[in-house]
Amino acid sequence: MQYAELKNSILKARQQRWDNLMHLSHTCKSGCIVTIAGNAPGAMKDSPALRELIAHAEKAMVDDAEALTIGSYGDAAGYIVFMRSQMNMQDAKTAAVSIESKHEWNRLLDIDIYGKGGSSADRRSMGLAPRKCLLCGEPAADCIRTQRHDYCDIFAETERLLKGFHRFCAGAD
């Protein structure tokens, strides 16, 4: 798939996700909506390994944020799970950040929390540091924006993290 075609299909998928989220958030009388997606580089947006990692985070959100799964699907932007929690947004985001920070491979997760009308609980509003780059530890958004790192290095790190997750699941770590 050509780069421009891939980029357009991912943008279209993200817009559809946003539309789905808006629909869900307008039906949210209390609590919040949780989304869990993979945070993988480039064209590698979906794989069995990422889906397994997402499922692991989904179970953790059930346990830690009393969230219930209300839907999931795969698209050009990867695989996404939609959940509903009765927790307030800040408490659910605290649980999400805890999960994202628990193991190095959870850096490949993106757990977002939304309230009525699509408002979000983000790291900045909670006084938390931004997500770090997979490679250098600087703010990830800066590295992405400036294309600081070679894609092959990012891909290799992603693979290393997923292999670590699989060893963990197999009880080797």
C-alpha atoms as a PDB file:
ATOM      1  CA  MET A   1       0.000   0.000   0.000  1.00  0.00           C
ATOM      2  CA  GLN A   2       1.353   3.436  -0.928  1.00  0.00           C
ATOM      3  CA  TYR A   3       2.203   5.815   1.920  1.00  0.00           C
ATOM      4  CA  ALA A   4      -0.477   8.380   0.950  1.00  0.00           C
ATOM      5  CA  GLU A   5      -3.107   5.659   0.669  1.00  0.00           C
ATOM      6  CA  LEU A   6      -2.115   4.202   4.045  1.00  0.00           C
ATOM      7  CA  LYS A   7      -2.170   7.628   5.675  1.00  0.00           C
ATOM      8  CA  ASN A   8      -5.621   8.396   4.240  1.00  0.00           C
ATOM      9  CA  SER A   9      -7.048   5.043   5.338  1.00  0.00           C
ATOM     10  CA  ILE A  10      -5.700   5.560   8.876  1.00  0.00           C
ATOM     11  CA  LEU A  11      -7.117   9.098   9.024  1.00  0.00           C
ATOM     12  CA  LYS A  12     -10.505   7.836   7.816  1.00  0.00           C
ATOM     13  CA  ALA A  13     -10.459   5.065  10.444  1.00  0.00           C
ATOM     14  CA  ARG A  14      -9.578   7.565  13.190  1.00  0.00           C
ATOM     15  CA  GLN A  15     -12.483   9.770  12.130  1.00  0.00           C
ATOM     16  CA  GLN A  16     -14.843   6.777  12.282  1.00  0.00           C
ATOM     17  CA  ARG A  17     -13.504   5.950  15.757  1.00  0.00           C
ATOM     18  CA  TRP A  18     -14.134   9.516  16.862  1.00  0.00           C
ATOM     19  CA  ASP A  19     -17.685   9.360  15.481  1.00  0.00           C
ATOM     20  CA  ASN A  20     -18.280   6.096  17.373  1.00  0.00           C
ATOM     21  CA  LEU A  21     -16.833   7.620  20.532  1.00  0.00           C
ATOM     22  CA  MET A  22     -19.072  10.695  20.198  1.00  0.00           C
ATOM     23  CA  HIS A  23     -22.117   8.471  19.874  1.00  0.00           C
ATOM     24  CA  LEU A  24     -21.111   6.478  22.966  1.00  0.00           C
ATOM     25  CA  SER A  25     -20.193   9.550  24.996  1.00  0.00           C
ATOM     26  CA  HIS A  26     -23.576  11.148  24.349  1.00  0.00           C
ATOM     27  CA  THR A  27     -25.267   8.062  25.791  1.00  0.00           C
ATOM     28  CA  CYS A  28     -23.034   8.127  28.871  1.00  0.00           C
ATOM     29  CA  LYS A  29     -25.202   9.286  31.786  1.00  0.00           C
ATOM     30  CA  SER A  30     -22.494   8.749  34.401  1.00  0.00           C
ATOM     31  CA  GLY A  31     -18.992   7.404  34.555  1.00  0.00           C
ATOM     32  CA  CYS A  32     -16.834   7.384  31.448  1.00  0.00           C
ATOM     33  CA  ILE A  33     -15.899   5.680  28.209  1.00  0.00           C
ATOM     34  CA  VAL A  34     -12.560   3.863  27.987  1.00  0.00           C
ATOM     35  CA  THR A  35     -10.778   3.089  24.726  1.00  0.00           C
ATOM     36  CA  ILE A  36      -7.849   0.724  24.468  1.00  0.00           C
ATOM     37  CA  ALA A  37      -5.804   0.570  21.289  1.00  0.00           C
ATOM     38  CA  GLY A  38      -2.346  -0.431  20.210  1.00  0.00           C
ATOM     39  CA  ASN A  39       0.226   2.304  19.880  1.00  0.00           C
ATOM     40  CA  ALA A  40       2.412   0.806  17.166  1.00  0.00           C
ATOM     41  CA  PRO A  41       4.490   2.673  14.594  1.00  0.00           C
ATOM     42  CA  GLY A  42       3.906   2.988  10.865  1.00  0.00           C
ATOM     43  CA  ALA A  43       1.876   0.403   9.000  1.00  0.00           C
ATOM     44  CA  MET A  44       2.129  -2.139  11.852  1.00  0.00           C
ATOM     45  CA  LYS A  45      -1.170  -1.121  13.440  1.00  0.00           C
ATOM     46  CA  ASP A  46      -2.648  -4.572  14.034  1.00  0.00           C
ATOM     47  CA  SER A  47      -1.209  -7.992  14.758  1.00  0.00           C
ATOM     48  CA  PRO A  48      -2.101 -11.010  16.869  1.00  0.00           C
ATOM     49  CA  ALA A  49       0.559  -9.920  19.376  1.00  0.00           C
ATOM     50  CA  LEU A  50      -0.893  -6.410  19.716  1.00  0.00           C
ATOM     51  CA  ARG A  51      -4.401  -7.837  20.073  1.00  0.00           C
ATOM     52  CA  GLU A  52      -3.169 -10.101  22.864  1.00  0.00           C
ATOM     53  CA  LEU A  53      -1.564  -7.120  24.616  1.00  0.00           C
ATOM     54  CA  ILE A  54      -4.797  -5.117  24.228  1.00  0.00           C
ATOM     55  CA  ALA A  55      -6.801  -8.044  25.659  1.00  0.00           C
ATOM     56  CA  HIS A  56      -4.425  -8.123  28.630  1.00  0.00           C
ATOM     57  CA  ALA A  57      -5.051  -4.392  29.229  1.00  0.00           C
ATOM     58  CA  GLU A  58      -8.790  -4.906  28.764  1.00  0.00           C
ATOM     59  CA  LYS A  59      -8.797  -7.451  31.592  1.00  0.00           C
ATOM     60  CA  ALA A  60      -6.775  -5.075  33.762  1.00  0.00           C
ATOM     61  CA  MET A  61      -9.311  -2.271  33.145  1.00  0.00           C
ATOM     62  CA  VAL A  62     -12.112  -4.655  34.137  1.00  0.00           C
ATOM     63  CA  ASP A  63     -10.256  -5.368  37.382  1.00  0.00           C
ATOM     64  CA  ASP A  64      -8.862  -1.885  38.113  1.00  0.00           C
ATOM     65  CA  ALA A  65     -11.559   0.435  36.734  1.00  0.00           C
ATOM     66  CA  GLU A  66     -14.640  -1.780  36.936  1.00  0.00           C
ATOM     67  CA  ALA A  67     -14.984  -1.324  33.171  1.00  0.00           C
ATOM     68  CA  LEU A  68     -17.235  -3.412  30.941  1.00  0.00           C
ATOM     69  CA  THR A  69     -16.504  -4.021  27.277  1.00  0.00           C
ATOM     70  CA  ILE A  70     -19.193  -2.613  24.992  1.00  0.00           C
ATOM     71  CA  GLY A  71     -17.557  -3.224  21.618  1.00  0.00           C
ATOM     72  CA  SER A  72     -14.365  -3.755  19.648  1.00  0.00           C
ATOM     73  CA  TYR A  73     -13.204  -3.916  16.049  1.00  0.00           C
ATOM     74  CA  GLY A  74     -10.189  -3.704  13.795  1.00  0.00           C
ATOM     75  CA  ASP A  75      -9.670  -1.105  11.080  1.00  0.00           C
ATOM     76  CA  ALA A  76      -6.815   0.597   9.236  1.00  0.00           C
ATOM     77  CA  ALA A  77      -5.737   2.271  12.494  1.00  0.00           C
ATOM     78  CA  GLY A  78      -5.496  -1.099  14.268  1.00  0.00           C
ATOM     79  CA  TYR A  79      -7.664  -2.827  16.844  1.00  0.00           C
ATOM     80  CA  ILE A  80      -9.700  -0.872  19.389  1.00  0.00           C
ATOM     81  CA  VAL A  81     -11.796  -1.835  22.398  1.00  0.00           C
ATOM     82  CA  PHE A  82     -14.556   0.409  23.774  1.00  0.00           C
ATOM     83  CA  MET A  83     -15.495   0.034  27.431  1.00  0.00           C
ATOM     84  CA  ARG A  84     -17.732   1.796  29.934  1.00  0.00           C
ATOM     85  CA  SER A  85     -16.774   2.446  33.551  1.00  0.00           C
ATOM     86  CA  GLN A  86     -18.838   3.916  36.368  1.00  0.00           C
ATOM     87  CA  MET A  87     -15.686   5.548  37.762  1.00  0.00           C
ATOM     88  CA  ASN A  88     -15.178   9.257  37.277  1.00  0.00           C
ATOM     89  CA  MET A  89     -12.785  10.229  34.503  1.00  0.00           C
ATOM     90  CA  GLN A  90      -9.839  11.082  36.749  1.00  0.00           C
ATOM     91  CA  ASP A  91      -9.966   7.813  38.697  1.00  0.00           C
ATOM     92  CA  ALA A  92     -10.312   5.805  35.487  1.00  0.00           C
ATOM     93  CA  LYS A  93      -7.352   7.700  33.949  1.00  0.00           C
ATOM     94  CA  THR A  94      -5.291   6.989  37.059  1.00  0.00           C
ATOM     95  CA  ALA A  95      -6.031   3.282  36.589  1.00  0.00           C
ATOM     96  CA  ALA A  96      -5.182   3.541  32.874  1.00  0.00           C
ATOM     97  CA  VAL A  97      -1.852   5.292  33.495  1.00  0.00           C
ATOM     98  CA  SER A  98      -1.008   2.674  36.116  1.00  0.00           C
ATOM     99  CA  ILE A  99      -1.612  -0.085  33.563  1.00  0.00           C
ATOM    100  CA  GLU A 100       0.322   1.758  30.829  1.00  0.00           C
ATOM    101  CA  SER A 101       3.255   2.174  33.236  1.00  0.00           C
ATOM    102  CA  LYS A 102       3.294  -1.287  34.830  1.00  0.00           C
ATOM    103  CA  HIS A 103       5.505  -3.031  32.238  1.00  0.00           C
ATOM    104  CA  GLU A 104       7.727  -1.642  29.502  1.00  0.00           C
ATOM    105  CA  TRP A 105       5.671  -3.372  26.783  1.00  0.00           C
ATOM    106  CA  ASN A 106       2.555  -1.536  27.944  1.00  0.00           C
ATOM    107  CA  ARG A 107       4.137   1.494  26.276  1.00  0.00           C
ATOM    108  CA  LEU A 108       2.576  -0.028  23.143  1.00  0.00           C
ATOM    109  CA  LEU A 109      -0.896   0.611  24.601  1.00  0.00           C
ATOM    110  CA  ASP A 110      -2.990   3.712  24.358  1.00  0.00           C
ATOM    111  CA  ILE A 111      -5.721   3.788  27.015  1.00  0.00           C
ATOM    112  CA  ASP A 112      -7.873   6.897  26.776  1.00  0.00           C
ATOM    113  CA  ILE A 113     -10.718   8.079  28.988  1.00  0.00           C
ATOM    114  CA  TYR A 114     -13.659  10.158  27.762  1.00  0.00           C
ATOM    115  CA  GLY A 115     -16.693  11.718  29.374  1.00  0.00           C
ATOM    116  CA  LYS A 116     -19.930  13.221  28.176  1.00  0.00           C
ATOM    117  CA  GLY A 117     -19.568  14.962  24.824  1.00  0.00           C
ATOM    118  CA  GLY A 118     -16.067  13.620  24.226  1.00  0.00           C
ATOM    119  CA  SER A 119     -14.226  15.497  26.979  1.00  0.00           C
ATOM    120  CA  SER A 120     -11.063  13.649  27.900  1.00  0.00           C
ATOM    121  CA  ALA A 121      -8.931  13.033  30.953  1.00  0.00           C
ATOM    122  CA  ASP A 122      -5.390  13.446  29.737  1.00  0.00           C
ATOM    123  CA  ARG A 123      -1.998  13.290  31.392  1.00  0.00           C
ATOM    124  CA  ARG A 124      -1.436  17.036  31.258  1.00  0.00           C
ATOM    125  CA  SER A 125      -4.716  17.904  33.013  1.00  0.00           C
ATOM    126  CA  MET A 126      -3.739  15.482  35.783  1.00  0.00           C
ATOM    127  CA  GLY A 127      -0.246  16.935  36.182  1.00  0.00           C
ATOM    128  CA  LEU A 128       1.442  13.846  34.728  1.00  0.00           C
ATOM    129  CA  ALA A 129       4.425  13.814  32.401  1.00  0.00           C
ATOM    130  CA  PRO A 130       3.787  13.154  28.701  1.00  0.00           C
ATOM    131  CA  ARG A 131       4.378   9.696  27.260  1.00  0.00           C
ATOM    132  CA  LYS A 132       8.035   8.945  26.567  1.00  0.00           C
ATOM    133  CA  CYS A 133       9.575   7.933  23.273  1.00  0.00           C
ATOM    134  CA  LEU A 134      10.143   4.202  22.808  1.00  0.00           C
ATOM    135  CA  LEU A 135      13.809   4.839  22.066  1.00  0.00           C
ATOM    136  CA  CYS A 136      15.212   7.887  23.819  1.00  0.00           C
ATOM    137  CA  GLY A 137      12.916   8.756  26.725  1.00  0.00           C
ATOM    138  CA  GLU A 138      12.115  12.252  25.447  1.00  0.00           C
ATOM    139  CA  PRO A 139       8.441  13.221  25.002  1.00  0.00           C
ATOM    140  CA  ALA A 140       7.081  10.876  22.331  1.00  0.00           C
ATOM    141  CA  ALA A 141       5.109  13.640  20.598  1.00  0.00           C
ATOM    142  CA  ASP A 142       8.327  15.578  19.972  1.00  0.00           C
ATOM    143  CA  CYS A 143      10.089  12.577  18.450  1.00  0.00           C
ATOM    144  CA  ILE A 144       7.089  11.750  16.259  1.00  0.00           C
ATOM    145  CA  ARG A 145       6.681  15.344  15.081  1.00  0.00           C
ATOM    146  CA  THR A 146      10.367  15.767  14.214  1.00  0.00           C
ATOM    147  CA  GLN A 147      10.788  12.187  12.932  1.00  0.00           C
ATOM    148  CA  ARG A 148      13.860  11.993  15.157  1.00  0.00           C
ATOM    149  CA  HIS A 149      14.354   8.229  14.851  1.00  0.00           C
ATOM    150  CA  ASP A 150      14.709   5.798  11.982  1.00  0.00           C
ATOM    151  CA  TYR A 151      11.583   3.706  11.430  1.00  0.00           C
ATOM    152  CA  CYS A 152      13.624   0.479  11.459  1.00  0.00           C
ATOM    153  CA  ASP A 153      14.853   1.268  14.991  1.00  0.00           C
ATOM    154  CA  ILE A 154      11.318   2.003  16.208  1.00  0.00           C
ATOM    155  CA  PHE A 155      10.001  -1.162  14.584  1.00  0.00           C
ATOM    156  CA  ALA A 156      12.801  -3.241  16.163  1.00  0.00           C
ATOM    157  CA  GLU A 157      11.999  -1.802  19.607  1.00  0.00           C
ATOM    158  CA  THR A 158       8.310  -2.561  19.098  1.00  0.00           C
ATOM    159  CA  GLU A 159       9.173  -6.160  18.234  1.00  0.00           C
ATOM    160  CA  ARG A 160      11.461  -6.439  21.275  1.00  0.00           C
ATOM    161  CA  LEU A 161       8.684  -5.189  23.571  1.00  0.00           C
ATOM    162  CA  LEU A 162       6.124  -7.595  22.101  1.00  0.00           C
ATOM    163  CA  LYS A 163       8.561 -10.507  22.514  1.00  0.00           C
ATOM    164  CA  GLY A 164       9.049  -9.485  26.142  1.00  0.00           C
ATOM    165  CA  PHE A 165       5.286  -9.498  26.622  1.00  0.00           C
ATOM    166  CA  HIS A 166       5.051 -12.998  25.125  1.00  0.00           C
ATOM    167  CA  ARG A 167       7.816 -14.284  27.415  1.00  0.00           C
ATOM    168  CA  PHE A 168       5.917 -12.773  30.356  1.00  0.00           C
ATOM    169  CA  CYS A 169       2.683 -14.502  29.303  1.00  0.00           C
ATOM    170  CA  ALA A 170       4.534 -17.791  28.927  1.00  0.00           C
ATOM    171  CA  GLY A 171       5.959 -17.390  32.437  1.00  0.00           C
ATOM    172  CA  ALA A 172       9.558 -17.013  31.247  1.00  0.00           C
ATOM    173  CA  ASP A 173      10.094 -13.584  32.868  1.00  0.00           C
END
